């Protein structure tokens, strides 16, 4: 087992704890939020940041102990490209199915004329 310098140990720990915190908050949002659209928002934002933090910690660890590692960077790029696309497709499916929304969730479909760019 290799001994890490203290600065690397602290920096790696910071990124892993930060990533785990974001992932945990995203998971709580998925559990606690009232409807589909709100539940969709929490994991796409927070969990993406959470995985990003863990990947940064992993990149730092393997770069300090071995050679510079790009595997984790490829994982992060793939995640940051696919998470918004899948969230967009899920949101469009939810709109198409006209899923029931909570009364506190703003539904911009009720008065579309007030959200247009056209001058009346």
PDB file of N, CA and C in Angstrom:
ATOM      1  N   UNK A   1       0.844  -1.174   0.000  1.00  0.00           N
ATOM      2  CA  UNK A   1       0.000   0.000   0.000  1.00  0.00           C
ATOM      3  C   UNK A   1       0.889   1.236   0.000  1.00  0.00           C
ATOM      4  N   UNK A   2       0.556   2.186  -0.866  1.00  0.00           N
ATOM      5  CA  UNK A   2       1.375   3.386  -0.957  1.00  0.00           C
ATOM      6  C   UNK A   2       0.862   4.453   0.003  1.00  0.00           C
ATOM      7  N   UNK A   3       1.806   5.185   0.578  1.00  0.00           N
ATOM      8  CA  UNK A   3       1.440   6.297   1.439  1.00  0.00           C
ATOM      9  C   UNK A   3       1.307   7.550   0.596  1.00  0.00           C
ATOM     10  N   UNK A   4       0.177   8.210   0.743  1.00  0.00           N
ATOM     11  CA  UNK A   4      -0.061   9.447   0.003  1.00  0.00           C
ATOM     12  C   UNK A   4       0.479  10.633   0.786  1.00  0.00           C
ATOM     13  N   UNK A   5       0.909  11.674   0.087  1.00  0.00           N
ATOM     14  CA  UNK A   5       1.233  12.916   0.798  1.00  0.00           C
ATOM     15  C   UNK A   5      -0.043  13.467   1.457  1.00  0.00           C
ATOM     16  N   UNK A   6       0.133  14.211   2.513  1.00  0.00           N
ATOM     17  CA  UNK A   6      -1.031  14.690   3.255  1.00  0.00           C
ATOM     18  C   UNK A   6      -1.916  15.607   2.406  1.00  0.00           C
ATOM     19  N   UNK A   7      -1.317  16.448   1.563  1.00  0.00           N
ATOM     20  CA  UNK A   7      -2.120  17.346   0.736  1.00  0.00           C
ATOM     21  C   UNK A   7      -2.996  16.556  -0.221  1.00  0.00           C
ATOM     22  N   UNK A   8      -2.435  15.464  -0.779  1.00  0.00           N
ATOM     23  CA  UNK A   8      -3.206  14.640  -1.711  1.00  0.00           C
ATOM     24  C   UNK A   8      -4.311  13.891  -0.984  1.00  0.00           C
ATOM     25  N   UNK A   9      -3.997  13.408   0.198  1.00  0.00           N
ATOM     26  CA  UNK A   9      -4.989  12.689   0.987  1.00  0.00           C
ATOM     27  C   UNK A   9      -6.171  13.589   1.326  1.00  0.00           C
ATOM     28  N   UNK A  10      -5.888  14.817   1.722  1.00  0.00           N
ATOM     29  CA  UNK A  10      -6.954  15.756   2.064  1.00  0.00           C
ATOM     30  C   UNK A  10      -7.760  16.166   0.836  1.00  0.00           C
ATOM     31  N   UNK A  11      -7.085  16.410  -0.263  1.00  0.00           N
ATOM     32  CA  UNK A  11      -7.780  16.821  -1.481  1.00  0.00           C
ATOM     33  C   UNK A  11      -8.661  15.693  -2.034  1.00  0.00           C
ATOM     34  N   UNK A  12      -8.146  14.487  -2.029  1.00  0.00           N
ATOM     35  CA  UNK A  12      -8.922  13.335  -2.491  1.00  0.00           C
ATOM     36  C   UNK A  12     -10.125  13.108  -1.584  1.00  0.00           C
ATOM     37  N   UNK A  13      -9.904  13.197  -0.282  1.00  0.00           N
ATOM     38  CA  UNK A  13     -11.009  13.031   0.671  1.00  0.00           C
ATOM     39  C   UNK A  13     -12.066  14.109   0.475  1.00  0.00           C
ATOM     40  N   UNK A  14     -11.625  15.349   0.236  1.00  0.00           N
ATOM     41  CA  UNK A  14     -12.570  16.447   0.008  1.00  0.00           C
ATOM     42  C   UNK A  14     -13.465  16.151  -1.186  1.00  0.00           C
ATOM     43  N   UNK A  15     -12.870  15.753  -2.318  1.00  0.00           N
ATOM     44  CA  UNK A  15     -13.669  15.505  -3.512  1.00  0.00           C
ATOM     45  C   UNK A  15     -14.601  14.317  -3.338  1.00  0.00           C
ATOM     46  N   UNK A  16     -14.152  13.278  -2.657  1.00  0.00           N
ATOM     47  CA  UNK A  16     -15.014  12.115  -2.461  1.00  0.00           C
ATOM     48  C   UNK A  16     -16.178  12.437  -1.527  1.00  0.00           C
ATOM     49  N   UNK A  17     -15.905  13.173  -0.442  1.00  0.00           N
ATOM     50  CA  UNK A  17     -16.988  13.551   0.473  1.00  0.00           C
ATOM     51  C   UNK A  17     -17.943  14.531  -0.206  1.00  0.00           C
ATOM     52  N   UNK A  18     -17.413  15.458  -0.990  1.00  0.00           N
ATOM     53  CA  UNK A  18     -18.266  16.390  -1.728  1.00  0.00           C
ATOM     54  C   UNK A  18     -19.161  15.647  -2.714  1.00  0.00           C
ATOM     55  N   UNK A  19     -18.572  14.722  -3.459  1.00  0.00           N
ATOM     56  CA  UNK A  19     -19.352  13.941  -4.415  1.00  0.00           C
ATOM     57  C   UNK A  19     -20.395  13.073  -3.735  1.00  0.00           C
ATOM     58  N   UNK A  20     -20.019  12.450  -2.620  1.00  0.00           N
ATOM     59  CA  UNK A  20     -20.978  11.624  -1.895  1.00  0.00           C
ATOM     60  C   UNK A  20     -22.111  12.468  -1.325  1.00  0.00           C
ATOM     61  N   UNK A  21     -21.803  13.679  -0.882  1.00  0.00           N
ATOM     62  CA  UNK A  21     -22.844  14.567  -0.354  1.00  0.00           C
ATOM     63  C   UNK A  21     -23.833  14.961  -1.442  1.00  0.00           C
ATOM     64  N   UNK A  22     -23.322  15.339  -2.617  1.00  0.00           N
ATOM     65  CA  UNK A  22     -24.216  15.686  -3.713  1.00  0.00           C
ATOM     66  C   UNK A  22     -25.061  14.485  -4.135  1.00  0.00           C
ATOM     67  N   UNK A  23     -24.475  13.316  -4.214  1.00  0.00           N
ATOM     68  CA  UNK A  23     -25.231  12.122  -4.596  1.00  0.00           C
ATOM     69  C   UNK A  23     -26.305  11.798  -3.565  1.00  0.00           C
ATOM     70  N   UNK A  24     -25.975  11.972  -2.287  1.00  0.00           N
ATOM     71  CA  UNK A  24     -26.951  11.716  -1.234  1.00  0.00           C
ATOM     72  C   UNK A  24     -28.108  12.704  -1.296  1.00  0.00           C
ATOM     73  N   UNK A  25     -27.812  13.980  -1.521  1.00  0.00           N
ATOM     74  CA  UNK A  25     -28.864  14.994  -1.625  1.00  0.00           C
ATOM     75  C   UNK A  25     -29.751  14.717  -2.836  1.00  0.00           C
ATOM     76  N   UNK A  26     -29.147  14.322  -3.950  1.00  0.00           N
ATOM     77  CA  UNK A  26     -29.935  13.957  -5.127  1.00  0.00           C
ATOM     78  C   UNK A  26     -30.831  12.760  -4.879  1.00  0.00           C
ATOM     79  N   UNK A  27     -30.337  11.786  -4.136  1.00  0.00           N
ATOM     80  CA  UNK A  27     -31.148  10.613  -3.811  1.00  0.00           C
ATOM     81  C   UNK A  27     -32.289  10.974  -2.869  1.00  0.00           C
ATOM     82  N   UNK A  28     -32.009  11.851  -1.914  1.00  0.00           N
ATOM     83  CA  UNK A  28     -33.085  12.316  -1.027  1.00  0.00           C
ATOM     84  C   UNK A  28     -34.148  13.082  -1.804  1.00  0.00           C
ATOM     85  N   UNK A  29     -33.713  13.903  -2.755  1.00  0.00           N
ATOM     86  CA  UNK A  29     -34.670  14.628  -3.584  1.00  0.00           C
ATOM     87  C   UNK A  29     -35.537  13.688  -4.397  1.00  0.00           C
ATOM     88  N   UNK A  30     -34.954  12.640  -4.910  1.00  0.00           N
ATOM     89  CA  UNK A  30     -35.722  11.653  -5.661  1.00  0.00           C
ATOM     90  C   UNK A  30     -36.760  10.984  -4.771  1.00  0.00           C
ATOM     91  N   UNK A  31     -36.423  10.770  -3.526  1.00  0.00           N
ATOM     92  CA  UNK A  31     -37.326  10.122  -2.584  1.00  0.00           C
ATOM     93  C   UNK A  31     -38.412  11.062  -2.091  1.00  0.00           C
ATOM     94  N   UNK A  32     -38.069  12.319  -1.820  1.00  0.00           N
ATOM     95  CA  UNK A  32     -38.965  13.216  -1.102  1.00  0.00           C
ATOM     96  C   UNK A  32     -39.826  14.138  -1.972  1.00  0.00           C
ATOM     97  N   UNK A  33     -39.399  14.438  -3.177  1.00  0.00           N
ATOM     98  CA  UNK A  33     -40.135  15.411  -3.982  1.00  0.00           C
ATOM     99  C   UNK A  33     -41.470  14.846  -4.452  1.00  0.00           C
ATOM    100  N   UNK A  34     -42.473  15.720  -4.679  1.00  0.00           N
ATOM    101  CA  UNK A  34     -43.849  15.248  -4.806  1.00  0.00           C
ATOM    102  C   UNK A  34     -44.263  14.649  -6.147  1.00  0.00           C
ATOM    103  N   UNK A  35     -43.724  15.101  -7.266  1.00  0.00           N
ATOM    104  CA  UNK A  35     -44.210  14.588  -8.538  1.00  0.00           C
ATOM    105  C   UNK A  35     -43.060  14.268  -9.491  1.00  0.00           C
ATOM    106  N   UNK A  36     -43.425  13.779 -10.655  1.00  0.00           N
ATOM    107  CA  UNK A  36     -42.431  13.270 -11.600  1.00  0.00           C
ATOM    108  C   UNK A  36     -41.426  14.325 -12.025  1.00  0.00           C
ATOM    109  N   UNK A  37     -41.903  15.506 -12.383  1.00  0.00           N
ATOM    110  CA  UNK A  37     -40.998  16.540 -12.883  1.00  0.00           C
ATOM    111  C   UNK A  37     -40.038  17.021 -11.793  1.00  0.00           C
ATOM    112  N   UNK A  38     -40.528  17.157 -10.588  1.00  0.00           N
ATOM    113  CA  UNK A  38     -39.658  17.564  -9.485  1.00  0.00           C
ATOM    114  C   UNK A  38     -38.665  16.450  -9.156  1.00  0.00           C
ATOM    115  N   UNK A  39     -39.128  15.223  -9.186  1.00  0.00           N
ATOM    116  CA  UNK A  39     -38.231  14.088  -8.929  1.00  0.00           C
ATOM    117  C   UNK A  39     -37.168  13.948 -10.004  1.00  0.00           C
ATOM    118  N   UNK A  40     -37.495  14.339 -11.201  1.00  0.00           N
ATOM    119  CA  UNK A  40     -36.541  14.268 -12.298  1.00  0.00           C
ATOM    120  C   UNK A  40     -35.427  15.291 -12.118  1.00  0.00           C
ATOM    121  N   UNK A  41     -35.743  16.419 -11.520  1.00  0.00           N
ATOM    122  CA  UNK A  41     -34.769  17.499 -11.371  1.00  0.00           C
ATOM    123  C   UNK A  41     -33.654  17.141 -10.394  1.00  0.00           C
ATOM    124  N   UNK A  42     -33.987  16.529  -9.283  1.00  0.00           N
ATOM    125  CA  UNK A  42     -32.994  16.268  -8.228  1.00  0.00           C
ATOM    126  C   UNK A  42     -31.860  15.340  -8.670  1.00  0.00           C
ATOM    127  N   UNK A  43     -32.153  14.174  -9.212  1.00  0.00           N
ATOM    128  CA  UNK A  43     -31.031  13.297  -9.569  1.00  0.00           C
ATOM    129  C   UNK A  43     -30.218  13.783 -10.759  1.00  0.00           C
ATOM    130  N   UNK A  44     -30.838  14.488 -11.693  1.00  0.00           N
ATOM    131  CA  UNK A  44     -30.062  14.905 -12.857  1.00  0.00           C
ATOM    132  C   UNK A  44     -29.033  15.955 -12.502  1.00  0.00           C
ATOM    133  N   UNK A  45     -29.338  16.821 -11.575  1.00  0.00           N
ATOM    134  CA  UNK A  45     -28.383  17.868 -11.196  1.00  0.00           C
ATOM    135  C   UNK A  45     -27.411  17.367 -10.130  1.00  0.00           C
ATOM    136  N   UNK A  46     -27.939  16.933  -9.012  1.00  0.00           N
ATOM    137  CA  UNK A  46     -27.084  16.604  -7.874  1.00  0.00           C
ATOM    138  C   UNK A  46     -26.276  15.327  -8.072  1.00  0.00           C
ATOM    139  N   UNK A  47     -26.882  14.320  -8.633  1.00  0.00           N
ATOM    140  CA  UNK A  47     -26.155  13.073  -8.784  1.00  0.00           C
ATOM    141  C   UNK A  47     -25.061  13.206  -9.838  1.00  0.00           C
ATOM    142  N   UNK A  48     -25.291  14.022 -10.858  1.00  0.00           N
ATOM    143  CA  UNK A  48     -24.235  14.275 -11.836  1.00  0.00           C
ATOM    144  C   UNK A  48     -23.049  14.959 -11.174  1.00  0.00           C
ATOM    145  N   UNK A  49     -23.325  15.955 -10.330  1.00  0.00           N
ATOM    146  CA  UNK A  49     -22.242  16.603  -9.589  1.00  0.00           C
ATOM    147  C   UNK A  49     -21.588  15.629  -8.608  1.00  0.00           C
ATOM    148  N   UNK A  50     -22.382  14.752  -8.026  1.00  0.00           N
ATOM    149  CA  UNK A  50     -21.834  13.769  -7.092  1.00  0.00           C
ATOM    150  C   UNK A  50     -20.866  12.811  -7.756  1.00  0.00           C
ATOM    151  N   UNK A  51     -21.268  12.288  -8.895  1.00  0.00           N
ATOM    152  CA  UNK A  51     -20.371  11.387  -9.612  1.00  0.00           C
ATOM    153  C   UNK A  51     -19.146  12.151 -10.102  1.00  0.00           C
ATOM    154  N   UNK A  52     -19.337  13.417 -10.478  1.00  0.00           N
ATOM    155  CA  UNK A  52     -18.200  14.233 -10.885  1.00  0.00           C
ATOM    156  C   UNK A  52     -17.186  14.405  -9.767  1.00  0.00           C
ATOM    157  N   UNK A  53     -17.656  14.615  -8.541  1.00  0.00           N
ATOM    158  CA  UNK A  53     -16.748  14.744  -7.402  1.00  0.00           C
ATOM    159  C   UNK A  53     -15.997  13.458  -7.103  1.00  0.00           C
ATOM    160  N   UNK A  54     -16.703  12.343  -7.148  1.00  0.00           N
ATOM    161  CA  UNK A  54     -16.057  11.054  -6.900  1.00  0.00           C
ATOM    162  C   UNK A  54     -15.040  10.744  -8.003  1.00  0.00           C
ATOM    163  N   UNK A  55     -15.374  11.065  -9.240  1.00  0.00           N
ATOM    164  CA  UNK A  55     -14.448  10.841 -10.349  1.00  0.00           C
ATOM    165  C   UNK A  55     -13.211  11.726 -10.200  1.00  0.00           C
ATOM    166  N   UNK A  56     -13.400  12.976  -9.762  1.00  0.00           N
ATOM    167  CA  UNK A  56     -12.243  13.853  -9.532  1.00  0.00           C
ATOM    168  C   UNK A  56     -11.335  13.280  -8.440  1.00  0.00           C
ATOM    169  N   UNK A  57     -11.920  12.791  -7.366  1.00  0.00           N
ATOM    170  CA  UNK A  57     -11.127  12.159  -6.312  1.00  0.00           C
ATOM    171  C   UNK A  57     -10.389  10.938  -6.824  1.00  0.00           C
ATOM    172  N   UNK A  58     -11.044  10.145  -7.644  1.00  0.00           N
ATOM    173  CA  UNK A  58     -10.411   8.956  -8.210  1.00  0.00           C
ATOM    174  C   UNK A  58      -9.276   9.331  -9.155  1.00  0.00           C
ATOM    175  N   UNK A  59      -9.497  10.361  -9.977  1.00  0.00           N
ATOM    176  CA  UNK A  59      -8.438  10.813 -10.883  1.00  0.00           C
ATOM    177  C   UNK A  59      -7.214  11.285 -10.097  1.00  0.00           C
ATOM    178  N   UNK A  60      -7.455  12.042  -9.039  1.00  0.00           N
ATOM    179  CA  UNK A  60      -6.338  12.517  -8.224  1.00  0.00           C
ATOM    180  C   UNK A  60      -5.595  11.363  -7.566  1.00  0.00           C
ATOM    181  N   UNK A  61      -6.339  10.397  -7.044  1.00  0.00           N
ATOM    182  CA  UNK A  61      -5.696   9.264  -6.370  1.00  0.00           C
ATOM    183  C   UNK A  61      -4.799   8.494  -7.323  1.00  0.00           C
ATOM    184  N   UNK A  62      -5.342   8.128  -8.477  1.00  0.00           N
ATOM    185  CA  UNK A  62      -4.550   7.321  -9.405  1.00  0.00           C
ATOM    186  C   UNK A  62      -3.441   8.131 -10.065  1.00  0.00           C
ATOM    187  N   UNK A  63      -3.621   9.450 -10.184  1.00  0.00           N
ATOM    188  CA  UNK A  63      -2.553  10.276 -10.726  1.00  0.00           C
ATOM    189  C   UNK A  63      -1.399  10.411  -9.736  1.00  0.00           C
ATOM    190  N   UNK A  64      -1.700  10.452  -8.449  1.00  0.00           N
ATOM    191  CA  UNK A  64      -0.651  10.579  -7.437  1.00  0.00           C
ATOM    192  C   UNK A  64       0.057   9.248  -7.207  1.00  0.00           C
ATOM    193  N   UNK A  65      -0.701   8.151  -7.180  1.00  0.00           N
ATOM    194  CA  UNK A  65      -0.087   6.853  -6.876  1.00  0.00           C
ATOM    195  C   UNK A  65       0.561   6.195  -8.086  1.00  0.00           C
ATOM    196  N   UNK A  66       0.057   6.443  -9.254  1.00  0.00           N
ATOM    197  CA  UNK A  66       0.562   5.787 -10.458  1.00  0.00           C
ATOM    198  C   UNK A  66       0.858   6.881 -11.488  1.00  0.00           C
ATOM    199  N   UNK A  67       0.525   6.646 -12.714  1.00  0.00           N
ATOM    200  CA  UNK A  67       0.690   7.653 -13.760  1.00  0.00           C
ATOM    201  C   UNK A  67      -0.617   8.429 -13.912  1.00  0.00           C
ATOM    202  N   UNK A  68      -0.587   9.490 -14.707  1.00  0.00           N
ATOM    203  CA  UNK A  68      -1.794  10.273 -14.945  1.00  0.00           C
ATOM    204  C   UNK A  68      -2.861   9.395 -15.563  1.00  0.00           C
ATOM    205  N   UNK A  69      -4.063   9.444 -15.018  1.00  0.00           N
ATOM    206  CA  UNK A  69      -5.134   8.552 -15.438  1.00  0.00           C
ATOM    207  C   UNK A  69      -6.217   9.317 -16.185  1.00  0.00           C
ATOM    208  N   UNK A  70      -6.535   8.860 -17.389  1.00  0.00           N
ATOM    209  CA  UNK A  70      -7.589   9.486 -18.182  1.00  0.00           C
ATOM    210  C   UNK A  70      -8.874   8.667 -18.243  1.00  0.00           C
ATOM    211  N   UNK A  71      -8.866   7.460 -17.684  1.00  0.00           N
ATOM    212  CA  UNK A  71     -10.060   6.629 -17.730  1.00  0.00           C
ATOM    213  C   UNK A  71     -11.235   7.320 -17.038  1.00  0.00           C
ATOM    214  N   UNK A  72     -10.952   7.913 -15.889  1.00  0.00           N
ATOM    215  CA  UNK A  72     -12.009   8.579 -15.142  1.00  0.00           C
ATOM    216  C   UNK A  72     -12.521   9.813 -15.874  1.00  0.00           C
ATOM    217  N   UNK A  73     -11.633  10.490 -16.591  1.00  0.00           N
ATOM    218  CA  UNK A  73     -12.048  11.656 -17.362  1.00  0.00           C
ATOM    219  C   UNK A  73     -13.017  11.245 -18.473  1.00  0.00           C
ATOM    220  N   UNK A  74     -12.762  10.120 -19.102  1.00  0.00           N
ATOM    221  CA  UNK A  74     -13.682   9.622 -20.130  1.00  0.00           C
ATOM    222  C   UNK A  74     -15.031   9.257 -19.530  1.00  0.00           C
ATOM    223  N   UNK A  75     -15.035   8.690 -18.334  1.00  0.00           N
ATOM    224  CA  UNK A  75     -16.289   8.371 -17.649  1.00  0.00           C
ATOM    225  C   UNK A  75     -17.063   9.648 -17.354  1.00  0.00           C
ATOM    226  N   UNK A  76     -16.375  10.669 -16.874  1.00  0.00           N
ATOM    227  CA  UNK A  76     -17.033  11.937 -16.540  1.00  0.00           C
ATOM    228  C   UNK A  76     -17.607  12.596 -17.791  1.00  0.00           C
ATOM    229  N   UNK A  77     -16.863  12.596 -18.880  1.00  0.00           N
ATOM    230  CA  UNK A  77     -17.363  13.190 -20.123  1.00  0.00           C
ATOM    231  C   UNK A  77     -18.598  12.444 -20.597  1.00  0.00           C
ATOM    232  N   UNK A  78     -18.569  11.126 -20.566  1.00  0.00           N
ATOM    233  CA  UNK A  78     -19.730  10.327 -20.963  1.00  0.00           C
ATOM    234  C   UNK A  78     -20.927  10.643 -20.080  1.00  0.00           C
ATOM    235  N   UNK A  79     -20.707  10.753 -18.774  1.00  0.00           N
ATOM    236  CA  UNK A  79     -21.798  11.040 -17.846  1.00  0.00           C
ATOM    237  C   UNK A  79     -22.377  12.428 -18.089  1.00  0.00           C
ATOM    238  N   UNK A  80     -21.521  13.425 -18.257  1.00  0.00           N
ATOM    239  CA  UNK A  80     -22.000  14.785 -18.444  1.00  0.00           C
ATOM    240  C   UNK A  80     -22.685  14.977 -19.795  1.00  0.00           C
ATOM    241  N   UNK A  81     -22.419  14.103 -20.750  1.00  0.00           N
ATOM    242  CA  UNK A  81     -23.123  14.168 -22.029  1.00  0.00           C
ATOM    243  C   UNK A  81     -24.441  13.411 -22.010  1.00  0.00           C
ATOM    244  N   UNK A  82     -24.491  12.291 -21.336  1.00  0.00           N
ATOM    245  CA  UNK A  82     -25.692  11.455 -21.396  1.00  0.00           C
ATOM    246  C   UNK A  82     -26.756  11.809 -20.365  1.00  0.00           C
ATOM    247  N   UNK A  83     -26.374  12.331 -19.204  1.00  0.00           N
ATOM    248  CA  UNK A  83     -27.370  12.631 -18.161  1.00  0.00           C
ATOM    249  C   UNK A  83     -28.366  13.703 -18.606  1.00  0.00           C
ATOM    250  N   UNK A  84     -27.943  14.823 -19.181  1.00  0.00           N
ATOM    251  CA  UNK A  84     -28.939  15.806 -19.615  1.00  0.00           C
ATOM    252  C   UNK A  84     -29.830  15.312 -20.754  1.00  0.00           C
ATOM    253  N   UNK A  85     -29.267  14.505 -21.626  1.00  0.00           N
ATOM    254  CA  UNK A  85     -30.059  13.992 -22.744  1.00  0.00           C
ATOM    255  C   UNK A  85     -31.127  13.035 -22.242  1.00  0.00           C
ATOM    256  N   UNK A  86     -30.766  12.135 -21.336  1.00  0.00           N
ATOM    257  CA  UNK A  86     -31.762  11.208 -20.799  1.00  0.00           C
ATOM    258  C   UNK A  86     -32.807  11.939 -19.973  1.00  0.00           C
ATOM    259  N   UNK A  87     -32.417  12.971 -19.221  1.00  0.00           N
ATOM    260  CA  UNK A  87     -33.388  13.751 -18.452  1.00  0.00           C
ATOM    261  C   UNK A  87     -34.356  14.484 -19.378  1.00  0.00           C
ATOM    262  N   UNK A  88     -33.828  15.004 -20.479  1.00  0.00           N
ATOM    263  CA  UNK A  88     -34.691  15.690 -21.446  1.00  0.00           C
ATOM    264  C   UNK A  88     -35.709  14.726 -22.054  1.00  0.00           C
ATOM    265  N   UNK A  89     -35.260  13.536 -22.405  1.00  0.00           N
ATOM    266  CA  UNK A  89     -36.182  12.546 -22.979  1.00  0.00           C
ATOM    267  C   UNK A  89     -37.225  12.094 -21.968  1.00  0.00           C
ATOM    268  N   UNK A  90     -36.831  11.928 -20.706  1.00  0.00           N
ATOM    269  CA  UNK A  90     -37.802  11.564 -19.681  1.00  0.00           C
ATOM    270  C   UNK A  90     -38.814  12.682 -19.452  1.00  0.00           C
ATOM    271  N   UNK A  91     -38.352  13.936 -19.452  1.00  0.00           N
ATOM    272  CA  UNK A  91     -39.269  15.063 -19.271  1.00  0.00           C
ATOM    273  C   UNK A  91     -40.260  15.159 -20.438  1.00  0.00           C
ATOM    274  N   UNK A  92     -39.772  14.957 -21.659  1.00  0.00           N
ATOM    275  CA  UNK A  92     -40.681  14.984 -22.805  1.00  0.00           C
ATOM    276  C   UNK A  92     -41.700  13.851 -22.734  1.00  0.00           C
ATOM    277  N   UNK A  93     -41.276  12.684 -22.274  1.00  0.00           N
ATOM    278  CA  UNK A  93     -42.215  11.572 -22.124  1.00  0.00           C
ATOM    279  C   UNK A  93     -43.259  11.893 -21.058  1.00  0.00           C
ATOM    280  N   UNK A  94     -42.824  12.524 -19.956  1.00  0.00           N
ATOM    281  CA  UNK A  94     -43.766  12.918 -18.912  1.00  0.00           C
ATOM    282  C   UNK A  94     -44.763  13.943 -19.402  1.00  0.00           C
ATOM    283  N   UNK A  95     -44.318  14.897 -20.232  1.00  0.00           N
ATOM    284  CA  UNK A  95     -45.239  15.876 -20.809  1.00  0.00           C
ATOM    285  C   UNK A  95     -46.191  15.222 -21.796  1.00  0.00           C
ATOM    286  N   UNK A  96     -45.688  14.294 -22.593  1.00  0.00           N
ATOM    287  CA  UNK A  96     -46.522  13.611 -23.573  1.00  0.00           C
ATOM    288  C   UNK A  96     -47.601  12.767 -22.886  1.00  0.00           C
ATOM    289  N   UNK A  97     -47.237  12.127 -21.785  1.00  0.00           N
ATOM    290  CA  UNK A  97     -48.204  11.298 -21.054  1.00  0.00           C
ATOM    291  C   UNK A  97     -49.115  12.121 -20.163  1.00  0.00           C
ATOM    292  N   UNK A  98     -48.847  13.427 -20.059  1.00  0.00           N
ATOM    293  CA  UNK A  98     -49.617  14.340 -19.223  1.00  0.00           C
ATOM    294  C   UNK A  98     -49.743  13.810 -17.795  1.00  0.00           C
ATOM    295  N   UNK A  99     -48.595  13.526 -17.198  1.00  0.00           N
ATOM    296  CA  UNK A  99     -48.581  13.029 -15.825  1.00  0.00           C
ATOM    297  C   UNK A  99     -49.105  14.087 -14.876  1.00  0.00           C
ATOM    298  N   UNK A 100     -49.762  13.638 -13.825  1.00  0.00           N
ATOM    299  CA  UNK A 100     -50.346  14.555 -12.856  1.00  0.00           C
ATOM    300  C   UNK A 100     -49.242  15.269 -12.075  1.00  0.00           C
ATOM    301  N   UNK A 101     -49.392  16.589 -11.935  1.00  0.00           N
ATOM    302  CA  UNK A 101     -48.426  17.395 -11.214  1.00  0.00           C
ATOM    303  C   UNK A 101     -49.003  17.832  -9.882  1.00  0.00           C
ATOM    304  N   UNK A 102     -48.131  18.105  -8.953  1.00  0.00           N
ATOM    305  CA  UNK A 102     -48.523  18.651  -7.661  1.00  0.00           C
ATOM    306  C   UNK A 102     -49.045  20.070  -7.855  1.00  0.00           C
ATOM    307  N   UNK A 103     -49.879  20.544  -6.941  1.00  0.00           N
ATOM    308  CA  UNK A 103     -50.418  21.902  -7.097  1.00  0.00           C
ATOM    309  C   UNK A 103     -49.349  22.981  -6.956  1.00  0.00           C
ATOM    310  N   UNK A 104     -48.218  22.682  -6.324  1.00  0.00           N
ATOM    311  CA  UNK A 104     -47.146  23.658  -6.170  1.00  0.00           C
ATOM    312  C   UNK A 104     -46.182  23.684  -7.360  1.00  0.00           C
ATOM    313  N   UNK A 105     -46.291  22.722  -8.240  1.00  0.00           N
ATOM    314  CA  UNK A 105     -45.433  22.678  -9.420  1.00  0.00           C
ATOM    315  C   UNK A 105     -46.021  23.577 -10.491  1.00  0.00           C
ATOM    316  N   UNK A 106     -45.217  24.487 -11.010  1.00  0.00           N
ATOM    317  CA  UNK A 106     -45.693  25.392 -12.056  1.00  0.00           C
ATOM    318  C   UNK A 106     -45.864  24.625 -13.358  1.00  0.00           C
ATOM    319  N   UNK A 107     -47.036  24.749 -13.924  1.00  0.00           N
ATOM    320  CA  UNK A 107     -47.319  24.126 -15.206  1.00  0.00           C
ATOM    321  C   UNK A 107     -47.435  25.227 -16.248  1.00  0.00           C
ATOM    322  N   UNK A 108     -46.429  25.359 -17.084  1.00  0.00           N
ATOM    323  CA  UNK A 108     -46.417  26.419 -18.080  1.00  0.00           C
ATOM    324  C   UNK A 108     -47.343  26.125 -19.249  1.00  0.00           C
ATOM    325  N   UNK A 109     -47.959  24.956 -19.263  1.00  0.00           N
ATOM    326  CA  UNK A 109     -48.871  24.619 -20.352  1.00  0.00           C
ATOM    327  C   UNK A 109     -50.250  25.229 -20.146  1.00  0.00           C
ATOM    328  N   UNK A 110     -50.574  25.690 -18.939  1.00  0.00           N
ATOM    329  CA  UNK A 110     -51.915  26.217 -18.678  1.00  0.00           C
ATOM    330  C   UNK A 110     -52.161  27.542 -19.383  1.00  0.00           C
ATOM    331  N   UNK A 111     -51.163  28.425 -19.398  1.00  0.00           N
ATOM    332  CA  UNK A 111     -51.280  29.729 -20.062  1.00  0.00           C
ATOM    333  C   UNK A 111     -50.066  29.933 -20.971  1.00  0.00           C
ATOM    334  N   UNK A 112     -50.023  29.251 -22.088  1.00  0.00           N
ATOM    335  CA  UNK A 112     -48.822  29.342 -22.932  1.00  0.00           C
ATOM    336  C   UNK A 112     -48.617  30.729 -23.531  1.00  0.00           C
ATOM    337  N   UNK A 113     -49.683  31.522 -23.664  1.00  0.00           N
ATOM    338  CA  UNK A 113     -49.540  32.834 -24.297  1.00  0.00           C
ATOM    339  C   UNK A 113     -48.683  33.789 -23.462  1.00  0.00           C
ATOM    340  N   UNK A 114     -48.627  33.617 -22.160  1.00  0.00           N
ATOM    341  CA  UNK A 114     -47.822  34.529 -21.355  1.00  0.00           C
ATOM    342  C   UNK A 114     -46.340  34.162 -21.359  1.00  0.00           C
ATOM    343  N   UNK A 115     -45.979  33.055 -21.963  1.00  0.00           N
ATOM    344  CA  UNK A 115     -44.593  32.620 -22.023  1.00  0.00           C
ATOM    345  C   UNK A 115     -44.031  32.620 -23.436  1.00  0.00           C
ATOM    346  N   UNK A 116     -44.676  33.321 -24.335  1.00  0.00           N
ATOM    347  CA  UNK A 116     -44.186  33.352 -25.706  1.00  0.00           C
ATOM    348  C   UNK A 116     -43.318  34.579 -25.923  1.00  0.00           C
ATOM    349  N   UNK A 117     -42.562  34.569 -27.011  1.00  0.00           N
ATOM    350  CA  UNK A 117     -41.729  35.699 -27.388  1.00  0.00           C
ATOM    351  C   UNK A 117     -42.474  36.659 -28.310  1.00  0.00           C
ATOM    352  N   UNK A 118     -43.678  36.301 -28.728  1.00  0.00           N
ATOM    353  CA  UNK A 118     -44.436  37.127 -29.671  1.00  0.00           C
ATOM    354  C   UNK A 118     -45.025  38.327 -28.941  1.00  0.00           C
ATOM    355  N   UNK A 119     -45.013  39.463 -29.639  1.00  0.00           N
ATOM    356  CA  UNK A 119     -45.651  40.663 -29.092  1.00  0.00           C
ATOM    357  C   UNK A 119     -47.141  40.612 -29.396  1.00  0.00           C
ATOM    358  N   UNK A 120     -47.957  40.891 -28.399  1.00  0.00           N
ATOM    359  CA  UNK A 120     -49.412  40.829 -28.602  1.00  0.00           C
ATOM    360  C   UNK A 120     -49.971  42.145 -29.070  1.00  0.00           C
TER     361      UNK A 120
END
